[in-house]
């Protein structure tokens, strides 16, 4: 008889509405608790991310009581928001630790929240491409109304969750009337240009102003934060990629390719010179209107550079 221990099965889960500590035995299909009951895992790794209101430490204790013979480990990733760079680097560190003792024949299962946002799915898929183990990606069902009522017992709880998922600095930056007038006139009169700003705070203000301006004019618009793109997977995130997992094929559009919308590329100076050149060459050949926002001036760009006035 073959020894099952020859192949290890590891579950990596980001529980939210299916958190067994919050939901008790009334679990949703695809929840962490139900998946552990239905399958045999040698190790369970619980990941806490901002915006998913749970305590992975409490969840770990609940699992220790229910499944005393299983190895359970929890990580609360110390990132302020669901940024691509933060999620990618945080998950990479966890995977390096948790897969260091595994062999190629072992199997990994990733259980995502019911409404996993793009940074979570993209970062897990891109990291899984470099793993020698066979990978399966599952997704939990939508949380029930009963769980939502139980999870947010008070209005204060709901506000606490909202604050954790919101950029607290977004109301600290603004543009003057003179700067707004310059920005809008430049946008209307140029198909492609680079806008040089004083600092990252002005970059945020420019992005927010353009969202408002384009929404009122009814023109499609998209902002890409280049400073939030991990360097080692920048091509995949910008241009798109395919990921083969156990029984599934994920075709992911790049941030530049998701829709035929006008673009602003904030934090443009965070990209390599080659990548900046490739992006401007590609977008210059399209009918899309785009603006690169940077705190430095690049004399080799194929588009004119204009400075935001003081």
Protein backbone atom coordinates (compact mmCIF):
# COMPACT_ATOMS: atom_id res chain seq x y z
CA UNK A 1 0.00 0.00 0.00
CA UNK A 2 1.37 3.36 -1.03
CA UNK A 3 2.21 5.77 1.77
CA UNK A 4 0.13 8.97 1.37
CA UNK A 5 2.83 10.98 3.13
CA UNK A 6 5.06 10.58 0.08
CA UNK A 7 3.13 13.53 -1.36
CA UNK A 8 2.28 16.54 0.82
CA UNK A 9 -0.83 18.69 0.28
CA UNK A 10 -0.65 22.29 1.48
CA UNK A 11 -3.57 24.73 1.62
CA UNK A 12 -2.94 28.49 1.38
CA UNK A 13 -6.15 30.34 2.25
CA UNK A 14 -7.27 33.99 2.47
CA UNK A 15 -10.48 33.59 4.48
CA UNK A 16 -13.07 36.36 4.70
CA UNK A 17 -16.81 35.61 4.70
CA UNK A 18 -16.09 31.93 5.16
CA UNK A 19 -13.91 32.43 8.24
CA UNK A 20 -14.85 29.48 10.50
CA UNK A 21 -14.35 31.53 13.66
CA UNK A 22 -16.97 34.06 12.47
CA UNK A 23 -19.33 31.70 10.68
CA UNK A 24 -19.24 28.67 12.98
CA UNK A 25 -20.53 25.51 11.34
CA UNK A 26 -22.73 27.44 8.88
CA UNK A 27 -20.02 27.63 6.24
CA UNK A 28 -20.34 28.65 2.63
CA UNK A 29 -19.45 26.30 -0.20
CA UNK A 30 -15.73 26.54 -0.82
CA UNK A 31 -15.01 27.97 2.63
CA UNK A 32 -11.76 27.16 4.39
CA UNK A 33 -13.47 24.98 6.98
CA UNK A 34 -15.50 23.04 4.42
CA UNK A 35 -12.49 22.53 2.16
CA UNK A 36 -10.44 21.17 5.07
CA UNK A 37 -13.27 18.80 6.00
CA UNK A 38 -13.68 17.53 2.44
CA UNK A 39 -10.00 17.12 1.61
CA UNK A 40 -6.89 15.90 3.36
CA UNK A 41 -4.25 18.60 3.82
CA UNK A 42 -0.96 18.13 5.62
CA UNK A 43 -0.57 21.82 6.38
CA UNK A 44 -2.89 24.85 6.41
CA UNK A 45 -1.50 28.36 5.90
CA UNK A 46 -3.88 31.25 6.66
CA UNK A 47 -3.11 34.66 5.12
CA UNK A 48 -4.52 37.92 6.48
CA UNK A 49 -4.77 40.79 3.98
CA UNK A 50 -6.05 44.37 4.42
CA UNK A 51 -9.69 44.80 3.47
CA UNK A 52 -10.68 41.28 4.59
CA UNK A 53 -11.95 41.73 8.11
CA UNK A 54 -10.85 38.80 10.24
CA UNK A 55 -8.23 37.85 12.76
CA UNK A 56 -6.13 35.08 11.26
CA UNK A 57 -4.74 34.42 14.74
CA UNK A 58 -8.23 33.65 16.05
CA UNK A 59 -8.92 31.54 12.97
CA UNK A 60 -5.71 29.62 13.61
CA UNK A 61 -6.88 28.88 17.19
CA UNK A 62 -10.26 27.69 15.89
CA UNK A 63 -8.52 25.29 13.52
CA UNK A 64 -6.24 24.03 16.30
CA UNK A 65 -9.33 23.05 18.32
CA UNK A 66 -11.24 21.48 15.42
CA UNK A 67 -8.27 19.77 13.76
CA UNK A 68 -5.66 19.16 16.50
CA UNK A 69 -3.58 16.84 14.30
CA UNK A 70 -3.12 19.33 11.45
CA UNK A 71 -0.29 21.83 11.22
CA UNK A 72 -1.73 25.35 11.01
CA UNK A 73 0.22 28.58 10.50
CA UNK A 74 -1.13 32.13 10.13
CA UNK A 75 0.44 35.26 8.66
CA UNK A 76 -0.94 38.78 8.91
CA UNK A 77 0.86 40.46 6.03
CA UNK A 78 2.00 43.88 7.19
CA UNK A 79 0.92 45.89 4.16
CA UNK A 80 -1.32 49.00 4.41
CA UNK A 81 -3.39 48.33 1.28
CA UNK A 82 -3.92 45.82 -1.51
CA UNK A 83 -1.15 47.12 -3.73
CA UNK A 84 0.45 44.86 -6.33
CA UNK A 85 3.94 45.41 -4.95
CA UNK A 86 2.88 44.94 -1.31
CA UNK A 87 0.85 41.78 -1.95
CA UNK A 88 3.47 40.29 -4.28
CA UNK A 89 6.41 40.82 -1.92
CA UNK A 90 4.39 39.73 1.14
CA UNK A 91 3.15 36.52 -0.47
CA UNK A 92 6.59 35.80 -1.92
CA UNK A 93 8.14 35.83 1.57
CA UNK A 94 5.44 33.49 2.90
CA UNK A 95 5.82 31.07 0.00
CA UNK A 96 9.60 31.01 0.35
CA UNK A 97 9.20 29.93 3.99
CA UNK A 98 6.28 27.55 3.55
CA UNK A 99 7.57 25.73 0.45
CA UNK A 100 11.24 25.44 1.47
CA UNK A 101 10.78 21.84 2.68
CA UNK A 102 8.56 20.70 -0.21
CA UNK A 103 9.39 18.58 -3.23
CA UNK A 104 8.23 18.98 -6.83
CA UNK A 105 5.69 16.15 -6.43
CA UNK A 106 3.85 17.94 -3.61
CA UNK A 107 0.61 19.82 -4.35
CA UNK A 108 -0.46 23.34 -3.40
CA UNK A 109 -4.01 24.68 -3.20
CA UNK A 110 -4.79 28.41 -3.06
CA UNK A 111 -8.24 29.34 -1.73
CA UNK A 112 -9.17 32.93 -2.61
CA UNK A 113 -11.93 35.10 -1.10
CA UNK A 114 -15.28 35.17 -2.88
CA UNK A 115 -14.57 38.56 -4.45
CA UNK A 116 -10.78 38.52 -4.66
CA UNK A 117 -9.46 41.78 -6.05
CA UNK A 118 -7.07 41.83 -9.01
CA UNK A 119 -3.84 42.29 -7.00
CA UNK A 120 -4.53 39.11 -5.01
CA UNK A 121 -5.29 36.89 -8.01
CA UNK A 122 -2.52 38.32 -10.20
CA UNK A 123 0.15 38.06 -7.52
CA UNK A 124 -0.75 34.48 -6.59
CA UNK A 125 -0.84 33.38 -10.22
CA UNK A 126 2.46 35.07 -11.08
CA UNK A 127 4.15 33.57 -8.02
CA UNK A 128 2.74 30.12 -8.82
CA UNK A 129 4.39 30.23 -12.27
CA UNK A 130 7.80 29.95 -10.60
CA UNK A 131 6.83 27.08 -8.28
CA UNK A 132 7.83 23.52 -9.22
CA UNK A 133 4.79 22.07 -7.45
CA UNK A 134 1.40 21.51 -9.07
CA UNK A 135 -0.94 24.37 -8.15
CA UNK A 136 -4.73 24.51 -7.83
CA UNK A 137 -6.69 27.75 -7.46
CA UNK A 138 -10.14 27.71 -5.79
CA UNK A 139 -12.51 30.50 -4.85
CA UNK A 140 -14.95 30.69 -1.94
CA UNK A 141 -18.65 31.32 -2.47
CA UNK A 142 -20.15 34.74 -1.78
CA UNK A 143 -20.64 35.31 2.00
CA UNK A 144 -24.18 34.88 3.31
CA UNK A 145 -26.21 37.79 4.72
CA UNK A 146 -26.14 36.06 8.10
CA UNK A 147 -22.34 36.14 8.15
CA UNK A 148 -22.22 39.80 7.14
CA UNK A 149 -24.56 40.72 10.02
CA UNK A 150 -22.46 38.69 12.44
CA UNK A 151 -19.11 40.01 11.18
CA UNK A 152 -20.10 43.67 11.47
CA UNK A 153 -21.75 43.69 14.87
CA UNK A 154 -21.63 47.46 15.21
CA UNK A 155 -21.40 50.50 12.99
CA UNK A 156 -17.99 51.17 14.52
CA UNK A 157 -16.74 47.80 13.24
CA UNK A 158 -17.81 48.66 9.71
CA UNK A 159 -16.04 52.03 9.82
CA UNK A 160 -12.91 50.36 11.23
CA UNK A 161 -12.85 47.97 8.26
CA UNK A 162 -13.44 50.83 5.79
CA UNK A 163 -10.60 52.89 7.26
CA UNK A 164 -8.21 49.96 6.94
CA UNK A 165 -9.05 49.57 3.24
CA UNK A 166 -8.82 53.29 2.42
CA UNK A 167 -5.80 55.40 1.66
CA UNK A 168 -5.77 57.83 4.59
CA UNK A 169 -3.49 60.27 2.74
CA UNK A 170 -5.76 60.83 -0.22
CA UNK A 171 -7.37 64.00 1.21
CA UNK A 172 -4.02 65.64 2.01
CA UNK A 173 -3.10 66.53 -1.57
CA UNK A 174 -4.70 69.06 -3.89
CA UNK A 175 -3.98 71.21 -6.94
CA UNK A 176 -4.46 74.96 -7.24
CA UNK A 177 -6.84 76.52 -9.78
CA UNK A 178 -3.80 77.54 -11.87
CA UNK A 179 -2.44 73.98 -11.87
CA UNK A 180 -5.82 72.47 -12.73
CA UNK A 181 -6.26 74.88 -15.64
CA UNK A 182 -2.77 73.99 -16.93
CA UNK A 183 -3.43 70.24 -16.52
CA UNK A 184 -6.79 70.28 -18.35
CA UNK A 185 -5.57 72.51 -21.21
CA UNK A 186 -2.45 70.37 -21.67
CA UNK A 187 -4.54 67.18 -21.69
CA UNK A 188 -6.97 68.57 -24.26
CA UNK A 189 -4.24 69.89 -26.57
CA UNK A 190 -1.77 66.97 -26.52
CA UNK A 191 -2.32 63.35 -27.47
CA UNK A 192 0.78 62.19 -25.56
CA UNK A 193 3.03 63.98 -23.08
CA UNK A 194 4.98 63.54 -19.85
CA UNK A 195 3.93 65.71 -16.90
CA UNK A 196 6.72 66.47 -14.43
CA UNK A 197 5.44 66.96 -10.86
CA UNK A 198 7.13 68.11 -7.67
CA UNK A 199 6.66 64.87 -5.70
CA UNK A 200 4.54 61.73 -5.27
CA UNK A 201 1.82 63.71 -3.47
CA UNK A 202 1.31 65.86 -6.59
CA UNK A 203 1.19 62.69 -8.69
CA UNK A 204 -1.74 61.47 -6.60
CA UNK A 205 -3.47 64.83 -6.92
CA UNK A 206 -3.05 64.80 -10.72
CA UNK A 207 -4.50 61.30 -10.96
CA UNK A 208 -7.52 62.23 -8.84
CA UNK A 209 -8.11 65.44 -10.82
CA UNK A 210 -8.01 63.56 -14.13
CA UNK A 211 -10.48 60.97 -12.89
CA UNK A 212 -12.94 63.75 -12.09
CA UNK A 213 -12.28 65.64 -15.33
CA UNK A 214 -12.72 62.60 -17.58
CA UNK A 215 -15.77 61.32 -15.72
CA UNK A 216 -17.59 64.63 -16.21
CA UNK A 217 -16.71 64.65 -19.93
CA UNK A 218 -17.83 61.04 -20.32
CA UNK A 219 -14.52 59.87 -21.87
CA UNK A 220 -13.08 56.49 -20.76
CA UNK A 221 -10.03 56.93 -18.53
CA UNK A 222 -7.69 54.66 -16.60
CA UNK A 223 -4.80 55.38 -14.23
CA UNK A 224 -1.92 52.92 -13.81
CA UNK A 225 0.35 53.34 -10.78
CA UNK A 226 3.73 52.28 -12.17
CA UNK A 227 5.42 52.63 -8.76
CA UNK A 228 3.16 49.83 -7.49
CA UNK A 229 4.35 47.27 -10.06
CA UNK A 230 6.92 44.69 -8.87
CA UNK A 231 9.96 44.97 -11.14
CA UNK A 232 10.44 41.24 -11.73
CA UNK A 233 6.88 40.79 -13.09
CA UNK A 234 6.37 44.22 -14.64
CA UNK A 235 6.05 42.90 -18.19
CA UNK A 236 3.37 40.37 -17.22
CA UNK A 237 1.32 42.88 -15.25
CA UNK A 238 1.52 45.57 -17.94
CA UNK A 239 1.08 43.45 -21.07
CA UNK A 240 -0.80 40.39 -19.78
CA UNK A 241 -0.04 36.68 -19.33
CA UNK A 242 -1.54 33.17 -19.23
CA UNK A 243 -1.34 30.93 -16.16
CA UNK A 244 -2.02 27.18 -16.21
CA UNK A 245 -3.17 25.73 -12.89
CA UNK A 246 -4.63 22.35 -12.02
CA UNK A 247 -7.57 22.08 -14.43
CA UNK A 248 -7.84 25.84 -15.09
CA UNK A 249 -6.39 28.34 -17.53
CA UNK A 250 -6.32 31.97 -16.48
CA UNK A 251 -5.98 34.52 -19.28
CA UNK A 252 -5.10 37.82 -17.62
CA UNK A 253 -5.18 41.12 -19.49
CA UNK A 254 -2.37 43.54 -18.71
CA UNK A 255 -2.94 46.88 -16.99
CA UNK A 256 -2.24 48.64 -20.30
CA UNK A 257 -4.55 46.34 -22.26
CA UNK A 258 -7.68 46.00 -20.11
CA UNK A 259 -9.74 48.51 -22.01
CA UNK A 260 -9.34 50.95 -24.86
CA UNK A 261 -9.32 53.97 -22.55
CA UNK A 262 -7.25 57.12 -22.23
CA UNK A 263 -4.38 56.54 -19.78
CA UNK A 264 -2.30 58.28 -17.20
CA UNK A 265 0.80 56.47 -15.98
CA UNK A 266 1.63 57.81 -12.52
CA UNK A 267 4.98 56.99 -10.93
CA UNK A 268 6.40 56.60 -14.43
CA UNK A 269 9.99 57.13 -13.25
CA UNK A 270 9.76 53.89 -11.21
CA UNK A 271 9.99 51.85 -14.43
CA UNK A 272 13.18 50.88 -16.24
CA UNK A 273 14.31 52.96 -19.23
CA UNK A 274 13.64 50.04 -21.60
CA UNK A 275 10.12 49.54 -20.31
CA UNK A 276 9.33 53.27 -20.46
CA UNK A 277 10.53 53.39 -24.04
CA UNK A 278 8.48 50.32 -25.00
CA UNK A 279 5.33 51.72 -23.40
CA UNK A 280 5.57 55.14 -25.05
CA UNK A 281 6.38 53.56 -28.44
CA UNK A 282 3.37 51.25 -28.17
CA UNK A 283 0.90 53.88 -26.97
CA UNK A 284 2.13 56.47 -29.49
CA UNK A 285 1.06 54.13 -32.30
CA UNK A 286 -2.44 53.73 -30.87
CA UNK A 287 -5.37 56.13 -30.90
CA UNK A 288 -5.33 56.40 -27.13
CA UNK A 289 -4.67 59.63 -25.34
CA UNK A 290 -2.05 59.16 -22.60
CA UNK A 291 -0.01 61.06 -20.05
CA UNK A 292 3.08 59.84 -18.17
CA UNK A 293 3.39 61.46 -14.72
CA UNK A 294 6.89 61.58 -13.26
CA UNK A 295 8.96 63.46 -10.70
CA UNK A 296 12.02 63.35 -12.96
CA UNK A 297 12.67 64.42 -16.55
CA UNK A 298 13.74 61.84 -19.12
CA UNK A 299 15.37 63.39 -22.20
CA UNK A 300 15.11 60.13 -24.14
CA UNK A 301 11.31 59.81 -24.05
CA UNK A 302 9.55 59.97 -27.40
CA UNK A 303 6.94 62.38 -25.99
CA UNK A 304 7.32 66.01 -24.87
CA UNK A 305 7.87 66.74 -21.17
CA UNK A 306 5.97 69.60 -19.50
CA UNK A 307 6.32 70.75 -15.90
CA UNK A 308 3.29 71.30 -13.66
CA UNK A 309 3.52 74.98 -12.56
CA UNK A 310 4.02 75.88 -8.90
